[in-house]
Amino acid sequence: MKKTLSFLLFIILGTQLSAQFILTPNGFSTHDNKDYIVYNFENKNQTELYNAALMSIGRTFVSPKDVISKVENKQINLVAYIPKGVSRTNYHKFDLTFNVVFEFKDNKIKINSPNIISIIQPIDIYQQMYIKKEINFRAYFDGNEWTIYNKKDVVKLDMAKETLEATVNNLIENLINNIKQNSTNDNW
């Protein structure tokens, strides 16, 4: 069974965040060309942050055990599937699957740049989108393959780039906000 998000509408229709990760022809990066972001959490040890992250993922995904692999108290590898998470046009949407790794230390969570696993539209005719690819001339004109960047690293599909960045960043922002709430609100 495919992994789904309980807050799909929030991700797609949610407010636009300032991009944490930006899409480049080589994948995700930050504005200062790092392949990670570090969040600071004062007075929280590694185990507390790890457990808060697990709780956040548990609140976000329908079946959290199916979307994570972990190294106890040190690392969580999250594989996220987001139906219709990338739009080529207002009516042409693709399902997005990506993974992102969270690493934990006392007072800090490091989030590594997300890696795209697939951007596909499996309904009707199977179609696939790539960040950048030397595409087959016939496949491009048959409408089965799309690329966000062309061979010269120029954005071809602005909407796809924007929606991909927004989807990934909204998911990460939602998880971090849940971690902050979990790590500060122990009274219930």
Protein backbone atom coordinates (compact mmCIF):
# COMPACT_ATOMS: atom_id res chain seq x y z
CA MET A 1 0.00 0.00 0.00
CA LYS A 2 1.35 3.40 -0.92
CA LYS A 3 2.30 5.76 1.83
CA THR A 4 0.03 8.79 2.11
CA LEU A 5 -0.02 11.97 4.10
CA SER A 6 -2.84 12.96 6.34
CA PHE A 7 -2.25 16.62 5.58
CA LEU A 8 -1.97 16.45 1.77
CA LEU A 9 -4.26 19.42 1.23
CA PHE A 10 -2.18 21.54 3.61
CA ILE A 11 0.95 20.81 1.63
CA ILE A 12 -0.55 21.53 -1.76
CA LEU A 13 -2.76 24.45 -0.73
CA GLY A 14 -0.77 25.69 2.25
CA THR A 15 0.95 28.99 2.53
CA GLN A 16 4.13 29.54 0.60
CA LEU A 17 7.26 29.24 2.72
CA SER A 18 10.51 30.92 2.05
CA ALA A 19 12.49 28.11 0.52
CA GLN A 20 14.75 26.18 2.82
CA PHE A 21 15.90 23.91 0.04
CA ILE A 22 16.03 25.09 -3.55
CA LEU A 23 16.01 22.89 -6.61
CA THR A 24 19.07 23.03 -8.83
CA PRO A 25 19.90 20.95 -11.91
CA ASN A 26 21.88 18.66 -9.59
CA GLY A 27 19.18 18.21 -6.97
CA PHE A 28 18.34 20.11 -3.79
CA SER A 29 20.68 22.57 -2.11
CA THR A 30 20.40 25.58 0.21
CA HIS A 31 20.85 29.22 -0.75
CA ASP A 32 24.46 29.05 0.47
CA ASN A 33 25.11 25.81 -1.48
CA LYS A 34 25.09 23.48 1.51
CA ASP A 35 23.53 20.05 1.30
CA TYR A 36 21.93 20.28 4.74
CA ILE A 37 20.13 22.58 7.19
CA VAL A 38 20.66 22.55 10.95
CA TYR A 39 17.89 23.45 13.41
CA ASN A 40 18.83 24.35 16.98
CA PHE A 41 16.77 23.29 19.99
CA GLU A 42 17.99 24.68 23.30
CA ASN A 43 18.20 22.32 26.28
CA LYS A 44 17.08 19.23 24.37
CA ASN A 45 19.29 16.19 24.25
CA GLN A 46 19.75 13.86 21.30
CA THR A 47 17.25 11.26 22.53
CA GLU A 48 14.54 13.85 23.24
CA LEU A 49 14.89 15.31 19.74
CA TYR A 50 14.92 11.85 18.13
CA ASN A 51 11.73 10.85 19.99
CA ALA A 52 10.05 14.18 19.15
CA ALA A 53 10.87 13.60 15.46
CA LEU A 54 9.37 10.10 15.60
CA MET A 55 6.22 11.57 17.17
CA SER A 56 6.06 14.23 14.47
CA ILE A 57 6.34 11.65 11.72
CA GLY A 58 3.73 9.53 13.49
CA ARG A 59 1.31 12.45 13.50
CA THR A 60 1.97 13.28 9.86
CA PHE A 61 1.90 9.90 8.12
CA VAL A 62 -0.86 7.31 8.11
CA SER A 63 1.58 4.43 8.60
CA PRO A 64 4.87 5.80 9.96
CA LYS A 65 6.51 2.38 10.24
CA ASP A 66 6.24 2.06 6.45
CA VAL A 67 7.99 5.35 5.68
CA ILE A 68 11.03 5.32 7.97
CA SER A 69 14.19 3.43 8.62
CA LYS A 70 16.23 4.47 11.62
CA VAL A 71 19.42 4.22 13.59
CA GLU A 72 18.22 4.43 17.18
CA ASN A 73 18.63 7.96 18.63
CA LYS A 74 20.94 9.03 15.78
CA GLN A 75 19.20 9.05 12.42
CA ILE A 76 15.81 8.76 10.70
CA ASN A 77 15.55 8.18 6.96
CA LEU A 78 12.07 9.22 5.82
CA VAL A 79 10.67 8.15 2.45
CA ALA A 80 7.72 10.41 1.66
CA TYR A 81 5.10 9.75 -1.02
CA ILE A 82 2.96 12.76 -1.89
CA PRO A 83 0.19 12.25 -4.45
CA LYS A 84 -0.03 15.13 -6.93
CA GLY A 85 2.84 16.91 -5.18
CA VAL A 86 4.32 18.35 -8.41
CA SER A 87 2.37 20.28 -11.04
CA ARG A 88 3.49 20.79 -14.62
CA THR A 89 0.32 22.81 -15.28
CA ASN A 90 -2.79 23.47 -13.23
CA TYR A 91 -4.27 20.21 -14.55
CA HIS A 92 -1.20 18.02 -15.12
CA LYS A 93 0.02 16.75 -11.74
CA PHE A 94 2.61 14.15 -10.78
CA ASP A 95 3.05 11.96 -7.69
CA LEU A 96 6.27 12.70 -5.81
CA THR A 97 8.41 10.23 -3.87
CA PHE A 98 11.55 11.45 -2.12
CA ASN A 99 13.68 10.66 0.88
CA VAL A 100 15.14 12.96 3.48
CA VAL A 101 17.52 12.06 6.31
CA PHE A 102 17.32 13.58 9.81
CA GLU A 103 20.40 13.35 12.05
CA PHE A 104 20.40 14.13 15.77
CA LYS A 105 22.85 15.57 18.29
CA ASP A 106 22.29 17.32 21.58
CA ASN A 107 20.42 20.58 20.86
CA LYS A 108 20.50 20.05 17.06
CA ILE A 109 18.73 18.36 14.18
CA LYS A 110 20.47 18.21 10.83
CA ILE A 111 18.28 17.71 7.76
CA ASN A 112 20.16 16.54 4.69
CA SER A 113 19.08 17.66 1.23
CA PRO A 114 16.13 15.61 -0.01
CA ASN A 115 16.73 13.10 -2.80
CA ILE A 116 14.08 12.61 -5.44
CA ILE A 117 13.16 8.98 -5.96
CA SER A 118 10.46 9.50 -8.58
CA ILE A 119 8.09 12.04 -10.07
CA ILE A 120 5.46 10.07 -11.96
CA GLN A 121 1.92 10.24 -13.23
CA PRO A 122 0.78 6.62 -13.37
CA ILE A 123 -2.84 7.34 -14.38
CA ASP A 124 -3.91 6.85 -18.01
CA ILE A 125 -0.50 6.91 -19.73
CA TYR A 126 2.54 6.43 -17.51
CA GLN A 127 4.52 9.66 -17.52
CA GLN A 128 7.70 10.58 -15.68
CA MET A 129 9.35 13.86 -14.80
CA TYR A 130 13.05 14.35 -14.17
CA ILE A 131 15.01 17.20 -12.67
CA LYS A 132 17.40 17.06 -15.61
CA LYS A 133 17.92 14.36 -18.20
CA GLU A 134 19.15 13.90 -21.70
CA ILE A 135 15.71 13.05 -23.00
CA ASN A 136 14.75 11.00 -26.00
CA PHE A 137 13.36 13.26 -28.74
CA ARG A 138 10.44 10.93 -29.47
CA ALA A 139 9.56 10.41 -25.79
CA TYR A 140 9.44 14.18 -25.24
CA PHE A 141 7.03 14.72 -28.08
CA ASP A 142 4.98 11.66 -27.14
CA GLY A 143 4.43 13.42 -23.82
CA ASN A 144 5.79 10.58 -21.67
CA GLU A 145 8.85 12.32 -20.22
CA TRP A 146 9.35 15.84 -18.92
CA THR A 147 12.36 17.64 -17.48
CA ILE A 148 12.41 20.63 -15.16
CA TYR A 149 15.85 21.81 -16.37
CA ASN A 150 17.13 21.65 -19.94
CA LYS A 151 20.65 20.62 -21.06
CA LYS A 152 21.92 24.15 -20.42
CA ASP A 153 20.61 24.16 -16.82
CA VAL A 154 17.80 26.59 -17.63
CA VAL A 155 14.42 26.02 -15.99
CA LYS A 156 11.89 24.73 -18.55
CA LEU A 157 9.01 24.02 -16.21
CA ASP A 158 8.68 26.89 -13.72
CA MET A 159 5.50 25.57 -12.11
CA ALA A 160 7.04 22.12 -11.60
CA LYS A 161 10.13 23.62 -9.92
CA GLU A 162 8.02 25.86 -7.68
CA THR A 163 5.56 23.15 -6.64
CA LEU A 164 8.34 20.61 -6.03
CA GLU A 165 10.20 23.06 -3.78
CA ALA A 166 7.01 24.06 -1.96
CA THR A 167 5.92 20.46 -1.38
CA VAL A 168 9.28 19.37 0.02
CA ASN A 169 9.78 22.50 2.13
CA ASN A 170 6.21 22.43 3.48
CA LEU A 171 6.63 18.82 4.61
CA ILE A 172 9.93 19.59 6.35
CA GLU A 173 8.53 22.77 7.94
CA ASN A 174 5.48 20.86 9.19
CA LEU A 175 7.69 18.15 10.72
CA ILE A 176 9.98 20.73 12.39
CA ASN A 177 6.99 22.64 13.79
CA ASN A 178 5.61 19.39 15.22
CA ILE A 179 9.02 18.60 16.73
CA LYS A 180 9.10 22.03 18.36
CA GLN A 181 5.62 21.46 19.80
CA ASN A 182 6.53 17.94 20.98
CA SER A 183 9.73 19.13 22.63
CA THR A 184 8.07 22.03 24.48
CA ASN A 185 4.62 20.68 25.31
CA ASP A 186 4.85 17.71 27.63
CA ASN A 187 1.67 18.57 29.54
CA TRP A 188 -1.49 16.94 28.25
